[in-house]
Amino acid sequence: MAAAKVWKTNCMNKEAAEKEARLSSKLRHPNVAQFIGYGVKENQPVIISELMSTDLRRYLDEKKKNAGEGPPLPLLVAINILLQVAEAMNYLHENGVMHRDLKANNVLVNVVEGPDGQLSSSSVQVKLTDFGESKRKLHDSRYTTPMVGTTRWRAPEVFEVEENREKYTKSADVYSFSMLCFEVLTGDVPFTGKPLGTLLQSIRDGVRPRLPDVDYCPEYLSALIKKCWATNAVERPQFPKICQLLVDYKATFLMHPYSREDVPPDSSQNSQTVDITDTANTLYVIEDDNNHRPCKSEPSGMIEITLCVLVCK
């Protein structure tokens, strides 16, 4: 089955539709919506892509309504969604494509829930879509198009382009990713209730949405998000690093979900990472009031367990 995106008829929309179709036809990634075809029906451009259940914004709205005052998703499910989006963005950037309108509305979702309605970390599959604002540059990595992207997700430097034509880079997508992180963790739209007329100055002044408390959003995850929304684009991490950290966070959470405040190891700087080619690996875990902490060596008071599968990257 397939989904059709129909554009309203005018010359600008036709040109944008053709541009999106050309770009989408060249993209192949598990977390990018698959392009099927392009055509014109009754003088209206139509883009055909694979059919997904819903978009992430609608899904979060539904889960938030059911969750009441709590978070919309289990933390492990949220981290896995963010990892899929980050891997898709990393693929785009590696291929010289900047999305420029990254938000939950532009992420499609398929959900497979258990018989009791419970979610596992692999229950939600997400795919990026809507490349109408995307731009491809294989050589010059800086962009000057003003007023691209949705205001509440737009990086500070993108606002600057409109005023003085300064250039911005793919780090603007990283800032938008941080706003999407806020959406996934809270279920809310960034800066809800903030008048758009004053939002620009607030963003320039470093005002950002409030992340959940540490009992749901661990310090290591909130620290990454805060780096991604840094006002200075140079200070933001790029998607290869973001993907690596999210994989580390996911693996650490699976190993010891009861100590979420601990900062997991950075596998790129840890010379003692476990060799995942082994069929079995030994890990020592201390038991302290149900707070299980992994350790590489065998100090006193430890119990030995064997892991058959350990994903470290």
Protein backbone atom coordinates (compact mmCIF):
# COMPACT_ATOMS: atom_id res chain seq x y z
CA MET A 1 0.00 0.00 0.00
CA ALA A 2 1.10 3.58 -0.58
CA ALA A 3 0.35 7.12 0.53
CA ALA A 4 -0.12 10.11 -1.77
CA LYS A 5 0.97 13.67 -1.01
CA VAL A 6 -1.06 16.10 -3.13
CA TRP A 7 0.17 19.65 -3.65
CA LYS A 8 -2.11 22.62 -4.28
CA THR A 9 -1.81 23.85 -7.84
CA ASN A 10 0.52 26.75 -8.53
CA CYS A 11 3.87 27.13 -10.23
CA MET A 12 5.84 27.35 -6.99
CA ASN A 13 4.27 24.21 -5.54
CA LYS A 14 4.84 22.31 -8.76
CA GLU A 15 8.49 23.25 -8.72
CA ALA A 16 8.80 22.30 -5.03
CA ALA A 17 7.03 18.98 -5.62
CA GLU A 18 9.35 18.10 -8.50
CA LYS A 19 12.35 19.03 -6.36
CA GLU A 20 11.15 16.87 -3.47
CA ALA A 21 10.47 13.96 -5.84
CA ARG A 22 13.97 14.16 -7.38
CA LEU A 23 15.58 14.26 -3.96
CA SER A 24 13.42 11.54 -2.39
CA SER A 25 14.02 9.17 -5.30
CA LYS A 26 17.75 9.08 -4.45
CA LEU A 27 17.35 8.31 -0.74
CA ARG A 28 17.48 4.73 0.58
CA HIS A 29 17.52 4.19 4.33
CA PRO A 30 15.43 2.12 6.79
CA ASN A 31 14.41 5.32 8.61
CA VAL A 32 13.62 7.44 5.56
CA ALA A 33 10.18 7.10 3.97
CA GLN A 34 10.49 5.14 0.72
CA PHE A 35 9.73 7.13 -2.43
CA ILE A 36 7.55 5.20 -4.91
CA GLY A 37 6.66 7.64 -7.68
CA TYR A 38 5.66 11.09 -8.86
CA GLY A 39 2.90 12.22 -11.17
CA VAL A 40 0.27 14.84 -11.93
CA LYS A 41 -3.45 14.27 -11.40
CA GLU A 42 -5.97 16.91 -12.46
CA ASN A 43 -3.10 19.38 -12.78
CA GLN A 44 -1.99 18.72 -9.20
CA PRO A 45 1.48 17.31 -8.42
CA VAL A 46 1.31 14.04 -6.49
CA ILE A 47 4.16 12.28 -4.66
CA ILE A 48 3.63 8.60 -3.86
CA SER A 49 5.47 7.06 -0.89
CA GLU A 50 5.12 4.05 1.38
CA LEU A 51 2.15 4.03 3.72
CA MET A 52 2.71 4.42 7.47
CA SER A 53 0.18 4.35 10.33
CA THR A 54 0.43 7.97 11.45
CA ASP A 55 2.90 10.76 12.13
CA LEU A 56 4.86 11.16 15.34
CA ARG A 57 3.05 14.33 16.41
CA ARG A 58 -0.36 12.66 16.30
CA TYR A 59 1.02 9.57 18.01
CA LEU A 60 2.51 11.63 20.85
CA ASP A 61 -0.76 13.53 21.27
CA GLU A 62 -2.61 10.24 21.64
CA LYS A 63 -0.11 8.76 24.09
CA LYS A 64 0.02 11.97 26.15
CA LYS A 65 -3.76 12.02 26.46
CA ASN A 66 -3.69 8.47 27.80
CA ALA A 67 -0.71 9.09 30.08
CA GLY A 68 -2.29 11.96 32.01
CA GLU A 69 0.42 13.81 33.95
CA GLY A 70 3.11 11.25 33.18
CA PRO A 71 5.48 11.01 30.20
CA PRO A 72 3.90 9.87 26.92
CA LEU A 73 6.31 6.98 26.33
CA PRO A 74 8.53 4.62 28.31
CA LEU A 75 12.05 6.04 28.36
CA LEU A 76 13.60 3.14 26.42
CA VAL A 77 10.98 3.54 23.67
CA ALA A 78 11.69 7.29 23.55
CA ILE A 79 15.44 6.73 23.26
CA ASN A 80 14.93 4.22 20.46
CA ILE A 81 12.75 6.69 18.52
CA LEU A 82 15.40 9.40 18.89
CA LEU A 83 18.10 6.98 17.77
CA GLN A 84 16.17 6.09 14.60
CA VAL A 85 15.67 9.78 13.77
CA ALA A 86 19.35 10.52 14.45
CA GLU A 87 20.47 7.66 12.20
CA ALA A 88 18.23 8.93 9.39
CA MET A 89 19.60 12.45 9.82
CA ASN A 90 23.15 11.13 9.82
CA TYR A 91 22.42 9.37 6.52
CA LEU A 92 21.01 12.58 5.02
CA HIS A 93 23.99 14.65 6.09
CA GLU A 94 26.43 12.04 4.81
CA ASN A 95 24.73 12.39 1.43
CA GLY A 96 24.89 16.17 1.43
CA VAL A 97 21.21 16.70 2.33
CA MET A 98 19.96 19.07 5.00
CA HIS A 99 16.34 18.45 6.07
CA ARG A 100 15.65 22.01 7.36
CA ASP A 101 12.19 21.21 8.77
CA LEU A 102 12.79 18.45 11.30
CA LYS A 103 9.90 18.06 13.76
CA ALA A 104 7.49 15.37 14.95
CA ASN A 105 4.96 16.23 12.22
CA ASN A 106 7.55 15.22 9.60
CA VAL A 107 8.32 11.83 11.14
CA LEU A 108 6.06 8.93 10.14
CA VAL A 109 5.30 6.09 12.56
CA ASN A 110 4.36 2.42 12.53
CA VAL A 111 3.48 0.94 15.93
CA VAL A 112 3.26 -2.71 16.95
CA GLU A 113 1.92 -3.01 20.50
CA GLY A 114 1.70 -6.16 22.57
CA PRO A 115 -1.63 -7.83 23.32
CA ASP A 116 -1.87 -5.85 26.56
CA GLY A 117 -1.07 -2.58 24.81
CA GLN A 118 2.48 -2.50 26.17
CA LEU A 119 5.38 -1.10 24.16
CA SER A 120 8.83 -2.60 23.81
CA SER A 121 11.90 -0.73 22.63
CA SER A 122 11.30 -2.05 19.09
CA SER A 123 7.54 -1.41 19.02
CA VAL A 124 7.79 1.95 17.24
CA GLN A 125 9.38 2.29 13.80
CA VAL A 126 9.89 5.82 12.52
CA LYS A 127 10.78 7.25 9.12
CA LEU A 128 11.62 10.80 8.07
CA THR A 129 9.49 12.42 5.42
CA ASP A 130 8.57 15.79 3.89
CA PHE A 131 11.71 16.89 2.08
CA GLY A 132 10.01 19.89 0.49
CA GLU A 133 12.30 22.26 2.38
CA SER A 134 15.40 20.09 2.08
CA LYS A 135 18.47 21.25 0.25
CA ARG A 136 21.30 19.25 -1.26
CA LYS A 137 24.83 20.55 -1.51
CA LEU A 138 27.71 18.20 -2.07
CA HIS A 139 30.48 20.80 -2.01
CA ASP A 140 29.39 24.01 -0.26
CA SER A 141 28.08 22.96 3.16
CA ARG A 142 26.64 26.35 4.12
CA TYR A 143 23.13 27.62 3.40
CA THR A 144 21.63 31.07 2.97
CA THR A 145 17.93 30.44 2.30
CA PRO A 146 15.98 32.57 4.79
CA MET A 147 12.87 31.60 6.79
CA VAL A 148 13.13 27.87 6.18
CA GLY A 149 11.71 25.51 8.80
CA THR A 150 8.98 25.93 11.38
CA THR A 151 9.58 28.78 13.83
CA ARG A 152 9.43 26.82 17.09
CA TRP A 153 12.01 24.31 15.81
CA ARG A 154 14.24 26.79 13.97
CA ALA A 155 17.84 27.36 15.05
CA PRO A 156 18.93 30.88 16.09
CA GLU A 157 21.28 31.24 13.13
CA VAL A 158 18.47 30.55 10.66
CA PHE A 159 16.67 33.63 11.99
CA GLU A 160 19.89 35.59 11.47
CA VAL A 161 19.94 34.71 7.76
CA GLU A 162 16.83 36.74 7.10
CA GLU A 163 18.38 39.83 8.67
CA ASN A 164 21.95 39.88 7.41
CA ARG A 165 22.33 36.91 5.00
CA GLU A 166 24.80 35.12 7.26
CA LYS A 167 25.25 31.48 6.35
CA TYR A 168 24.23 28.51 8.47
CA THR A 169 25.28 24.88 8.40
CA LYS A 170 23.82 21.44 9.01
CA SER A 171 24.13 22.15 12.72
CA ALA A 172 20.77 23.88 12.32
CA ASP A 173 19.27 20.39 11.87
CA VAL A 174 20.92 19.36 15.15
CA TYR A 175 19.15 22.22 16.93
CA SER A 176 15.82 21.12 15.42
CA PHE A 177 16.59 17.59 16.58
CA SER A 178 16.87 18.86 20.15
CA MET A 179 13.37 20.35 19.86
CA LEU A 180 12.13 16.99 18.55
CA CYS A 181 13.78 15.33 21.58
CA PHE A 182 11.71 17.63 23.78
CA GLU A 183 8.58 16.59 21.89
CA VAL A 184 9.27 12.87 22.30
CA LEU A 185 10.12 13.11 26.01
CA THR A 186 7.25 15.40 27.02
CA GLY A 187 4.60 15.04 24.30
CA ASP A 188 4.45 18.84 24.10
CA VAL A 189 5.16 21.25 21.25
CA PRO A 190 8.22 23.44 21.99
CA PHE A 191 7.46 26.90 23.39
CA THR A 192 3.73 26.23 23.65
CA GLY A 193 2.01 29.44 24.77
CA LYS A 194 4.99 31.62 23.83
CA PRO A 195 3.95 34.37 21.38
CA LEU A 196 5.80 33.99 18.08
CA GLY A 197 6.46 37.74 18.07
CA THR A 198 8.75 37.45 21.12
CA LEU A 199 10.07 33.96 20.45
CA LEU A 200 13.03 35.03 18.29
CA GLN A 201 14.57 37.22 20.97
CA SER A 202 13.92 34.59 23.62
CA ILE A 203 15.75 31.96 21.57
CA ARG A 204 18.66 34.34 21.00
CA ASP A 205 18.80 34.94 24.75
CA GLY A 206 19.15 31.21 25.36
CA VAL A 207 15.60 30.44 26.50
CA ARG A 208 14.79 26.77 25.92
CA PRO A 209 11.91 24.43 26.82
CA ARG A 210 12.05 22.72 30.20
CA LEU A 211 13.04 19.08 30.03
CA PRO A 212 11.45 16.44 32.29
CA ASP A 213 12.86 15.82 35.76
CA VAL A 214 15.73 13.38 36.25
CA ASP A 215 13.41 10.61 37.45
CA TYR A 216 12.34 10.23 33.81
CA CYS A 217 15.00 12.01 31.75
CA PRO A 218 18.47 10.95 32.98
CA GLU A 219 21.15 13.59 33.36
CA TYR A 220 23.24 12.11 30.57
CA LEU A 221 20.32 12.42 28.12
CA SER A 222 19.39 15.96 29.15
CA ALA A 223 23.07 16.95 28.86
CA LEU A 224 23.16 15.71 25.24
CA ILE A 225 19.95 17.58 24.37
CA LYS A 226 21.28 20.79 25.90
CA LYS A 227 24.44 20.49 23.80
CA CYS A 228 22.28 20.02 20.70
CA TRP A 229 20.34 23.24 21.36
CA ALA A 230 23.40 25.38 22.09
CA THR A 231 23.02 28.92 20.74
CA ASN A 232 26.48 28.71 19.18
CA ALA A 233 26.20 26.23 16.30
CA VAL A 234 29.88 25.27 16.62
CA GLU A 235 29.24 23.84 20.09
CA ARG A 236 26.60 21.37 18.91
CA PRO A 237 27.57 17.73 18.32
CA GLN A 238 27.06 16.23 14.88
CA PHE A 239 24.87 13.25 14.15
CA PRO A 240 27.60 10.56 14.10
CA LYS A 241 28.40 11.48 17.71
CA ILE A 242 24.70 11.76 18.64
CA CYS A 243 24.01 8.29 17.21
CA GLN A 244 26.96 6.79 19.08
CA LEU A 245 25.85 8.31 22.40
CA LEU A 246 22.24 7.21 21.98
CA VAL A 247 23.39 3.65 21.26
CA ASP A 248 25.49 3.80 24.44
CA TYR A 249 22.53 5.13 26.43
CA LYS A 250 20.23 2.42 25.09
CA ALA A 251 22.71 -0.37 25.90
CA THR A 252 23.39 1.04 29.37
CA PHE A 253 19.69 1.35 30.12
CA LEU A 254 19.14 -2.26 29.08
CA MET A 255 21.96 -3.44 31.35
CA HIS A 256 21.06 -1.42 34.46
CA PRO A 257 17.77 0.47 34.15
CA TYR A 258 17.72 1.34 37.84
CA SER A 259 20.69 3.72 37.76
CA ARG A 260 19.62 6.12 35.04
CA GLU A 261 21.52 9.08 36.47
CA ASP A 262 24.88 7.43 35.84
CA VAL A 263 26.70 8.68 32.77
CA PRO A 264 27.27 5.71 30.44
CA PRO A 265 30.71 5.17 28.93
CA ASP A 266 31.62 6.92 25.70
CA SER A 267 32.52 3.96 23.50
CA SER A 268 34.70 6.10 21.23
CA GLN A 269 36.99 6.97 24.16
CA ASN A 270 36.80 3.72 26.12
CA SER A 271 39.60 1.31 25.28
CA GLN A 272 37.97 -1.39 27.44
CA THR A 273 34.70 -1.75 25.54
CA VAL A 274 33.39 -5.31 25.32
CA ASP A 275 34.11 -7.20 22.11
CA ILE A 276 30.63 -7.89 20.73
CA THR A 277 31.97 -10.57 18.40
CA ASP A 278 32.20 -12.91 21.41
CA THR A 279 29.27 -15.32 21.78
CA ALA A 280 29.29 -14.80 25.54
CA ASN A 281 30.84 -12.14 27.77
CA THR A 282 31.31 -11.99 31.50
CA LEU A 283 30.09 -8.97 33.43
CA TYR A 284 30.31 -8.39 37.16
CA VAL A 285 27.43 -6.62 38.87
CA ILE A 286 27.25 -5.24 42.38
CA GLU A 287 23.96 -5.61 44.20
CA ASP A 288 23.26 -2.60 46.39
CA ASP A 289 19.60 -2.00 47.26
CA ASN A 290 18.53 -3.21 43.81
CA ASN A 291 20.88 -0.72 42.15
CA HIS A 292 22.81 -2.88 39.68
CA ARG A 293 26.03 -1.33 38.41
CA PRO A 294 28.24 -3.00 35.77
CA CYS A 295 31.96 -3.39 36.36
CA LYS A 296 34.78 -4.68 34.12
CA SER A 297 36.87 -6.37 36.81
CA GLU A 298 35.98 -8.64 39.74
CA PRO A 299 36.26 -6.78 43.05
CA SER A 300 35.10 -8.32 46.31
CA GLY A 301 31.37 -8.63 46.93
CA MET A 302 30.52 -9.10 43.25
CA ILE A 303 28.36 -11.76 41.64
CA GLU A 304 29.21 -13.06 38.18
CA ILE A 305 26.65 -13.17 35.39
CA THR A 306 26.96 -14.17 31.75
CA LEU A 307 25.53 -12.13 28.91
CA CYS A 308 24.76 -14.06 25.73
CA VAL A 309 24.20 -10.92 23.66
CA LEU A 310 25.56 -7.47 24.37
CA VAL A 311 25.06 -4.62 21.92
CA CYS A 312 27.67 -1.91 22.29
CA LYS A 313 27.34 -0.08 19.01
